[in-house]
Amino acid sequence: MKPNINTFAPDTLSNKPQSSIPSLPLSSTITVVGAGAFGGWTALYLLRSGYKVTLIDAWGAGNSRSSSGDETRVIRSTYGSNAFYFDLNIKALELWKENQQRWNKQLFYNNGVIWFCYQEHNPIVDDSIPFAKKHGMEYVQLKPEEVRKKFPIIETSDLHHAWLDPFGGYLKARESCQAVQEAFIREGGTFIQAFVEPATSAKQYLTGLKLSNGEVIQSDVQLFACGSWLGQLFPDLLREKITCSKQEAYYFGVPSENSKAYDQLPAWIDLDGSDFYYGIPGNASRGFKIGVDKRGEAFDPTHGERIYNPEVLSKARQFIGHRFPGLKNAPLAESRVCPYENSPDGNFMLGSHPENDRLWILGGGSGHGFKHGPALGQLVADYFLHGGLIHPMLLLDK
């Protein structure tokens, strides 16, 4: 697995045989386990399709253990030569705007996304340019001196150029998950905050899901969208396919005399070919966010301590002091650990369990899944409603 490239441009090749989903009658009942970006949105769109849906989560939407529990996430269409994810993000952006208007709650902030490029050619961005032109969402190329003029607080001496995506920006993360859960309940869904007791085999779930509150939930279909916990719940099938890594994010305090200049910067991604730092300057007024995309150590999402690694922080400080000189001695205001749920090739995963065709698995966010939540949720709901072949990018059997 190429850990960093998977976040920005997952593999486009698949030699596996195609898999299909049979259409599910609208009289069917569906239980979704996991109220994160994938589970919450899928439950909502299944409900809107006409199914009777129950959503279950041990700690509730947007909880601090989840991959969706941080304050913010970048939303960008740039995916190298991978047209599937570019198009999926276009649909997601449409649905983010539609739902935030429906709920009268701003979740998408159109601050733009700027890519810092060290080389003349950068396939992650360059190969997406034809897709951007096709959708009328073209990027703006900036020379280093143009970046400095537009954003004087950015150091550009080591950059060849930058690309500005004016259509991207950032999303509220924790608040979005909670908004989806609230909408799901308002629109008639059943939410249960409880822990699903693990079974010794997938076949045992045929008798229902046993919950920590003593309930047993019966349904025609069970969809597990448990993020970083999937490998633990289904070790025989997913132990090697879905792994959890510790990813750190830091919120730095900006200078009081020009805080607005920092808060109004676009979200940014640094294409250094190694650490791939990214950031969200506004970050819901929590501080200047810098995230580390380079895969961290293996992490237990339930029992792992959300404490930063001093060496990782020190290296991030060096970078931020270079790229944003005004933050060289900035105080650390907060830090977060945001687990990545990594698939082997960086693609999402959807499929039925080979031992139980009523049990479906949705996961593999791989550090880039959050923004796709509404579009992926709608796509999965359409699969169940109409049936059909699963897109080869999403195959569970990788």
Protein backbone atom coordinates (compact mmCIF):
# COMPACT_ATOMS: atom_id res chain seq x y z
CA MET A 1 0.00 0.00 0.00
CA LYS A 2 1.23 3.50 -0.85
CA PRO A 3 -0.14 5.28 2.21
CA ASN A 4 -0.02 8.91 1.18
CA ILE A 5 -1.05 8.55 -2.44
CA ASN A 6 -4.10 6.57 -1.32
CA THR A 7 -5.50 9.60 0.45
CA PHE A 8 -5.21 11.87 -2.58
CA ALA A 9 -5.48 9.56 -5.60
CA PRO A 10 -6.55 5.96 -4.83
CA ASP A 11 -5.72 3.16 -7.25
CA THR A 12 -7.98 3.12 -10.31
CA LEU A 13 -7.30 -0.50 -11.31
CA SER A 14 -9.39 -3.49 -10.35
CA ASN A 15 -9.02 -7.00 -11.77
CA LYS A 16 -11.63 -8.52 -9.49
CA PRO A 17 -14.90 -9.91 -10.89
CA GLN A 18 -17.82 -7.56 -10.51
CA SER A 19 -20.29 -7.97 -7.68
CA SER A 20 -23.95 -6.99 -7.63
CA ILE A 21 -26.61 -6.00 -5.12
CA PRO A 22 -30.12 -7.41 -5.56
CA SER A 23 -32.90 -4.87 -5.21
CA LEU A 24 -34.47 -4.83 -1.76
CA PRO A 25 -38.27 -4.47 -1.41
CA LEU A 26 -39.37 -1.23 0.26
CA SER A 27 -41.14 -3.31 2.91
CA SER A 28 -37.71 -4.41 4.17
CA THR A 29 -36.17 -3.34 7.46
CA ILE A 30 -32.53 -2.26 7.62
CA THR A 31 -30.22 -1.79 10.59
CA VAL A 32 -27.15 0.41 10.13
CA VAL A 33 -24.37 0.04 12.71
CA GLY A 34 -22.20 3.15 13.00
CA ALA A 35 -23.39 6.78 12.84
CA GLY A 36 -20.25 8.28 11.30
CA ALA A 37 -19.83 9.85 7.88
CA PHE A 38 -20.65 6.65 6.00
CA GLY A 39 -23.22 5.07 8.31
CA GLY A 40 -25.16 8.19 9.20
CA TRP A 41 -25.59 9.45 5.65
CA THR A 42 -26.41 5.96 4.34
CA ALA A 43 -29.05 5.49 7.04
CA LEU A 44 -30.57 8.86 6.16
CA TYR A 45 -30.77 8.15 2.43
CA LEU A 46 -32.11 4.63 2.99
CA LEU A 47 -34.82 6.23 5.15
CA ARG A 48 -35.57 8.82 2.47
CA SER A 49 -35.83 5.99 -0.07
CA GLY A 50 -38.71 4.54 1.93
CA TYR A 51 -37.11 1.81 4.06
CA LYS A 52 -37.67 1.36 7.77
CA VAL A 53 -34.24 2.05 9.21
CA THR A 54 -32.64 1.69 12.65
CA LEU A 55 -29.29 3.41 13.28
CA ILE A 56 -27.07 2.19 16.13
CA ASP A 57 -23.91 3.72 17.58
CA ALA A 58 -22.12 3.00 20.85
CA TRP A 59 -21.21 6.62 21.61
CA GLY A 60 -23.39 8.64 19.22
CA ALA A 61 -22.62 10.64 16.10
CA GLY A 62 -19.48 12.80 16.11
CA ASN A 63 -18.02 11.21 19.23
CA SER A 64 -14.36 11.84 20.02
CA ARG A 65 -13.27 8.24 19.36
CA SER A 66 -14.54 8.25 15.79
CA SER A 67 -12.76 9.21 12.58
CA SER A 68 -15.51 11.81 12.11
CA GLY A 69 -15.14 13.35 15.57
CA ASP A 70 -12.76 16.21 14.79
CA GLU A 71 -13.94 19.77 14.14
CA THR A 72 -13.29 20.07 10.41
CA ARG A 73 -12.40 18.23 7.20
CA VAL A 74 -11.10 19.40 3.82
CA ILE A 75 -13.42 19.04 0.83
CA ARG A 76 -11.69 18.94 -2.57
CA SER A 77 -12.37 17.30 -5.92
CA THR A 78 -8.72 16.75 -6.85
CA TYR A 79 -8.07 13.03 -7.27
CA GLY A 80 -5.34 12.61 -9.89
CA SER A 81 -6.63 10.51 -12.77
CA ASN A 82 -9.38 8.92 -10.70
CA ALA A 83 -12.61 10.14 -12.31
CA PHE A 84 -14.85 8.11 -9.97
CA TYR A 85 -13.90 10.05 -6.85
CA PHE A 86 -13.81 13.38 -8.66
CA ASP A 87 -17.39 12.82 -9.83
CA LEU A 88 -18.45 11.46 -6.44
CA ASN A 89 -17.17 14.62 -4.78
CA ILE A 90 -19.05 16.81 -7.26
CA LYS A 91 -22.24 15.03 -6.22
CA ALA A 92 -21.27 15.25 -2.55
CA LEU A 93 -20.72 18.99 -2.81
CA GLU A 94 -24.18 19.37 -4.33
CA LEU A 95 -25.73 17.34 -1.50
CA TRP A 96 -23.81 19.19 1.23
CA LYS A 97 -25.22 22.46 -0.08
CA GLU A 98 -28.72 21.00 -0.46
CA ASN A 99 -28.86 19.57 3.05
CA GLN A 100 -27.34 22.56 4.84
CA GLN A 101 -30.02 24.73 3.21
CA ARG A 102 -32.67 22.19 4.20
CA TRP A 103 -31.48 22.26 7.81
CA ASN A 104 -30.65 25.99 7.90
CA LYS A 105 -27.20 25.10 9.24
CA GLN A 106 -23.93 25.97 7.51
CA LEU A 107 -21.66 22.96 7.23
CA PHE A 108 -19.66 23.78 4.07
CA TYR A 109 -17.27 26.75 4.00
CA ASN A 110 -16.17 27.73 0.50
CA ASN A 111 -12.72 29.08 1.41
CA GLY A 112 -11.01 27.26 -1.47
CA VAL A 113 -8.11 24.79 -1.37
CA ILE A 114 -4.53 25.67 -2.30
CA TRP A 115 -2.03 22.98 -3.29
CA PHE A 116 1.66 23.76 -2.66
CA CYS A 117 3.70 22.19 -5.49
CA TYR A 118 7.47 21.69 -5.37
CA GLN A 119 7.84 20.24 -8.87
CA GLU A 120 6.72 21.39 -12.31
CA HIS A 121 4.59 18.29 -12.74
CA ASN A 122 2.32 16.98 -9.98
CA PRO A 123 0.04 14.16 -11.20
CA ILE A 124 -2.22 14.36 -8.16
CA VAL A 125 -3.37 17.79 -9.34
CA ASP A 126 -2.38 17.85 -13.01
CA ASP A 127 -4.31 14.69 -13.92
CA SER A 128 -7.48 16.15 -12.39
CA ILE A 129 -7.42 19.28 -14.55
CA PRO A 130 -9.42 17.69 -17.45
CA PHE A 131 -12.15 16.69 -14.96
CA ALA A 132 -12.20 20.20 -13.49
CA LYS A 133 -12.61 21.69 -16.96
CA LYS A 134 -15.35 19.20 -17.81
CA HIS A 135 -17.37 20.28 -14.75
CA GLY A 136 -16.66 24.01 -15.14
CA MET A 137 -14.67 24.01 -11.89
CA GLU A 138 -11.24 24.99 -13.16
CA TYR A 139 -8.24 25.53 -10.89
CA VAL A 140 -6.12 28.67 -10.93
CA GLN A 141 -2.36 28.25 -11.27
CA LEU A 142 -0.31 30.71 -9.21
CA LYS A 143 3.39 31.51 -9.46
CA PRO A 144 5.24 31.84 -6.13
CA GLU A 145 5.21 35.62 -6.36
CA GLU A 146 1.45 35.56 -7.03
CA VAL A 147 0.91 33.41 -3.96
CA ARG A 148 2.94 35.86 -1.85
CA LYS A 149 0.97 38.81 -3.21
CA LYS A 150 -2.37 37.14 -2.56
CA PHE A 151 -1.38 35.53 0.76
CA PRO A 152 1.63 37.40 2.23
CA ILE A 153 1.83 35.13 5.28
CA ILE A 154 2.82 32.10 3.16
CA GLU A 155 6.51 31.33 2.49
CA THR A 156 6.94 30.27 -1.15
CA SER A 157 10.72 30.27 -1.79
CA ASP A 158 10.85 26.47 -2.19
CA LEU A 159 7.71 26.14 -4.33
CA HIS A 160 7.56 25.81 -8.11
CA HIS A 161 3.95 26.96 -8.20
CA ALA A 162 0.59 26.46 -6.50
CA TRP A 163 -2.88 25.49 -7.66
CA LEU A 164 -5.93 27.17 -6.16
CA ASP A 165 -9.21 25.29 -6.27
CA PRO A 166 -11.79 28.04 -5.66
CA PHE A 167 -14.66 25.56 -5.38
CA GLY A 168 -13.37 23.59 -2.40
CA GLY A 169 -12.96 24.49 1.24
CA TYR A 170 -13.78 22.76 4.49
CA LEU A 171 -16.66 21.05 6.26
CA LYS A 172 -17.77 20.95 9.86
CA ALA A 173 -17.05 17.34 10.85
CA ARG A 174 -18.40 16.56 14.33
CA GLU A 175 -21.34 18.96 13.89
CA SER A 176 -22.21 17.47 10.50
CA CYS A 177 -22.48 13.95 11.89
CA GLN A 178 -24.69 15.20 14.68
CA ALA A 179 -26.84 17.13 12.20
CA VAL A 180 -27.31 14.00 10.09
CA GLN A 181 -28.31 11.97 13.16
CA GLU A 182 -30.80 14.64 14.21
CA ALA A 183 -32.29 14.79 10.69
CA PHE A 184 -32.54 11.00 10.61
CA ILE A 185 -34.59 11.03 13.81
CA ARG A 186 -36.77 13.98 12.70
CA GLU A 187 -37.57 12.22 9.43
CA GLY A 188 -38.76 9.08 11.18
CA GLY A 189 -35.70 6.91 11.73
CA THR A 190 -34.98 5.04 14.96
CA PHE A 191 -31.68 5.78 16.67
CA ILE A 192 -30.31 3.61 19.49
CA GLN A 193 -27.18 4.51 21.43
CA ALA A 194 -25.81 1.11 22.39
CA PHE A 195 -22.94 -1.24 21.72
CA VAL A 196 -23.46 -4.17 19.35
CA GLU A 197 -22.01 -7.25 21.02
CA PRO A 198 -19.52 -8.97 18.70
CA ALA A 199 -20.44 -12.41 17.41
CA THR A 200 -18.04 -15.32 17.01
CA SER A 201 -19.12 -15.67 13.38
CA ALA A 202 -21.09 -13.64 10.85
CA LYS A 203 -23.77 -16.34 10.79
CA GLN A 204 -24.64 -15.61 14.43
CA TYR A 205 -25.94 -12.19 13.38
CA LEU A 206 -28.75 -14.01 11.50
CA THR A 207 -30.56 -14.29 14.83
CA GLY A 208 -30.34 -10.52 15.36
CA LEU A 209 -27.99 -7.95 16.83
CA LYS A 210 -27.55 -8.23 20.58
CA LEU A 211 -27.07 -4.82 22.16
CA SER A 212 -25.42 -3.75 25.39
CA ASN A 213 -28.78 -2.48 26.67
CA GLY A 214 -30.28 -5.97 26.45
CA GLU A 215 -32.24 -5.43 23.22
CA VAL A 216 -32.03 -7.78 20.25
CA ILE A 217 -32.61 -6.00 16.94
CA GLN A 218 -34.05 -8.01 14.09
CA SER A 219 -34.00 -6.75 10.51
CA ASP A 220 -33.90 -8.02 6.94
CA VAL A 221 -30.51 -6.42 6.28
CA GLN A 222 -27.67 -5.37 8.55
CA LEU A 223 -25.19 -2.81 7.28
CA PHE A 224 -22.02 -2.38 9.33
CA ALA A 225 -20.36 1.01 8.71
CA CYS A 226 -18.19 1.05 11.83
CA GLY A 227 -15.08 2.70 10.45
CA SER A 228 -11.92 1.79 12.33
CA TRP A 229 -13.73 -0.93 14.28
CA LEU A 230 -14.57 -3.07 11.23
CA GLY A 231 -11.31 -5.01 11.38
CA GLN A 232 -12.00 -5.93 15.00
CA LEU A 233 -15.63 -6.92 14.40
CA PHE A 234 -14.84 -9.16 11.42
CA PRO A 235 -11.23 -10.24 11.94
CA ASP A 236 -11.29 -13.30 9.68
CA LEU A 237 -12.52 -11.22 6.74
CA LEU A 238 -11.14 -7.74 7.37
CA ARG A 239 -8.13 -7.96 9.70
CA GLU A 240 -5.74 -7.48 6.77
CA LYS A 241 -8.07 -5.32 4.69
CA ILE A 242 -8.99 -2.57 7.14
CA THR A 243 -6.36 -1.26 9.51
CA CYS A 244 -6.46 1.67 11.91
CA SER A 245 -3.62 4.20 12.15
CA LYS A 246 -3.06 7.05 14.59
CA GLN A 247 -3.26 10.40 12.79
CA GLU A 248 -2.52 13.60 14.65
CA ALA A 249 -3.86 17.11 14.13
CA TYR A 250 -2.74 20.26 15.93
CA TYR A 251 -4.49 23.58 16.46
CA PHE A 252 -2.10 26.51 16.83
CA GLY A 253 -2.93 29.95 18.18
CA VAL A 254 -2.47 32.69 15.58
CA PRO A 255 -1.07 36.19 16.27
CA SER A 256 -3.70 38.56 17.67
CA GLU A 257 -2.63 41.45 15.45
CA ASN A 258 -3.52 39.71 12.17
CA SER A 259 -5.66 36.74 13.12
CA LYS A 260 -8.12 37.48 10.32
CA ALA A 261 -5.42 37.02 7.68
CA TYR A 262 -4.84 33.47 8.92
CA ASP A 263 -8.51 32.58 9.38
CA GLN A 264 -9.34 33.63 5.81
CA LEU A 265 -6.67 31.52 4.11
CA PRO A 266 -7.87 28.64 1.95
CA ALA A 267 -7.50 25.11 3.20
CA TRP A 268 -4.10 23.89 2.02
CA ILE A 269 -2.24 20.72 1.10
CA ASP A 270 1.54 20.46 0.84
CA LEU A 271 2.75 18.07 -1.89
CA ASP A 272 6.17 17.37 -0.42
CA GLY A 273 5.99 13.70 -1.38
CA SER A 274 6.55 12.54 2.20
CA ASP A 275 4.50 13.93 5.07
CA PHE A 276 1.77 15.57 2.98
CA TYR A 277 0.83 18.07 5.67
CA TYR A 278 -2.56 19.71 5.21
CA GLY A 279 -4.37 22.43 7.07
CA ILE A 280 -7.59 24.29 7.69
CA PRO A 281 -6.82 27.83 8.87
CA GLY A 282 -10.34 28.84 9.94
CA ASN A 283 -11.09 25.49 11.56
CA ALA A 284 -14.35 26.52 13.22
CA SER A 285 -12.49 29.17 15.28
CA ARG A 286 -10.52 26.48 17.14
CA GLY A 287 -7.06 27.51 15.90
CA PHE A 288 -4.86 27.12 12.83
CA LYS A 289 -5.14 23.41 12.06
CA ILE A 290 -2.30 21.31 10.65
CA GLY A 291 -2.81 17.61 10.04
CA VAL A 292 -0.28 14.86 9.35
CA ASP A 293 -1.36 12.61 6.49
CA LYS A 294 1.67 10.32 6.63
CA ARG A 295 0.36 7.13 8.20
CA GLY A 296 1.04 6.87 11.90
CA GLU A 297 1.40 3.89 14.19
CA ALA A 298 -1.22 1.15 14.55
CA PHE A 299 -3.99 2.35 16.85
CA ASP A 300 -6.83 0.88 18.89
CA PRO A 301 -9.83 3.19 18.33
CA THR A 302 -11.53 2.13 21.58
CA HIS A 303 -8.71 2.02 24.12
CA GLY A 304 -6.00 4.13 22.44
CA GLU A 305 -4.98 7.31 24.28
CA ARG A 306 -5.64 10.50 22.29
CA ILE A 307 -2.23 11.96 23.18
CA TYR A 308 0.15 13.46 20.62
CA ASN A 309 3.57 12.03 19.87
CA PRO A 310 6.18 14.72 20.77
CA GLU A 311 8.39 13.76 17.80
CA VAL A 312 5.53 14.05 15.33
CA LEU A 313 4.51 17.40 16.82
CA SER A 314 8.10 18.70 16.72
CA LYS A 315 8.41 17.88 13.03
CA ALA A 316 5.04 19.50 12.29
CA ARG A 317 6.18 22.64 14.17
CA GLN A 318 9.26 22.84 11.97
CA PHE A 319 7.13 22.66 8.87
CA ILE A 320 4.55 25.20 9.96
CA GLY A 321 7.28 27.62 11.06
CA HIS A 322 8.76 27.38 7.58
CA ARG A 323 5.61 27.57 5.46
CA PHE A 324 3.91 30.12 7.71
CA PRO A 325 6.77 32.10 9.34
CA GLY A 326 4.40 34.10 11.52
CA LEU A 327 3.51 30.87 13.33
CA LYS A 328 7.10 29.84 14.12
CA ASN A 329 6.56 30.28 17.87
CA ALA A 330 2.80 29.86 17.89
CA PRO A 331 1.39 28.16 21.00
CA LEU A 332 -0.34 24.81 20.68
CA ALA A 333 -3.97 25.49 21.60
CA GLU A 334 -5.34 21.97 21.14
CA SER A 335 -4.43 18.61 19.64
CA ARG A 336 -6.53 15.75 18.32
CA VAL A 337 -6.04 12.15 17.29
CA CYS A 338 -8.20 11.28 14.29
CA PRO A 339 -7.93 7.56 13.42
CA TYR A 340 -7.66 6.62 9.76
CA GLU A 341 -9.54 3.51 8.64
CA ASN A 342 -7.23 2.32 5.86
CA SER A 343 -8.15 -0.04 3.03
CA PRO A 344 -5.43 -1.83 1.03
CA ASP A 345 -5.65 0.47 -1.99
CA GLY A 346 -7.26 3.59 -0.53
CA ASN A 347 -10.65 2.83 -2.07
CA PHE A 348 -13.91 2.54 -0.17
CA MET A 349 -15.35 -0.94 0.35
CA LEU A 350 -18.90 -2.26 -0.04
CA GLY A 351 -20.02 -5.86 -0.10
CA SER A 352 -21.89 -8.66 1.64
CA HIS A 353 -20.20 -11.00 4.07
CA PRO A 354 -19.40 -14.35 2.37
CA GLU A 355 -20.94 -16.26 5.32
CA ASN A 356 -24.11 -14.15 5.62
CA ASP A 357 -25.65 -12.45 2.58
CA ARG A 358 -27.93 -10.36 4.83
CA LEU A 359 -24.90 -8.71 6.42
CA TRP A 360 -23.28 -5.90 4.44
CA ILE A 361 -20.08 -3.98 5.09
CA LEU A 362 -19.34 -0.37 4.14
CA GLY A 363 -15.98 1.17 5.01
CA GLY A 364 -12.43 1.92 3.99
CA GLY A 365 -12.59 5.73 4.32
CA SER A 366 -8.78 5.83 4.16
CA GLY A 367 -8.41 9.44 5.25
CA HIS A 368 -10.51 10.90 2.42
CA GLY A 369 -13.99 9.52 3.01
CA PHE A 370 -15.69 12.17 5.13
CA LYS A 371 -16.49 14.65 2.36
CA HIS A 372 -18.06 11.89 0.24
CA GLY A 373 -20.53 10.89 2.96
CA PRO A 374 -23.77 12.19 1.43
CA ALA A 375 -22.97 11.05 -2.12
CA LEU A 376 -21.81 7.62 -0.99
CA GLY A 377 -24.84 7.26 1.27
CA GLN A 378 -27.16 8.13 -1.58
CA LEU A 379 -25.31 5.74 -3.92
CA VAL A 380 -25.59 2.83 -1.46
CA ALA A 381 -29.29 3.56 -0.92
CA ASP A 382 -29.81 3.52 -4.71
CA TYR A 383 -28.00 0.17 -4.93
CA PHE A 384 -30.41 -1.36 -2.41
CA LEU A 385 -33.44 0.28 -3.99
CA HIS A 386 -32.75 -0.57 -7.63
CA GLY A 387 -30.11 -3.31 -7.49
CA GLY A 388 -27.19 -3.47 -9.90
CA LEU A 389 -23.45 -3.91 -10.20
CA ILE A 390 -21.26 -2.38 -7.51
CA HIS A 391 -18.72 0.06 -8.93
CA PRO A 392 -15.32 -1.71 -9.21
CA MET A 393 -13.72 1.00 -7.04
CA LEU A 394 -15.91 -0.14 -4.14
CA LEU A 395 -15.43 -3.91 -4.20
CA LEU A 396 -14.97 -5.53 -0.80
CA ASP A 397 -12.89 -8.35 -2.27
CA LYS A 398 -9.62 -6.52 -2.95
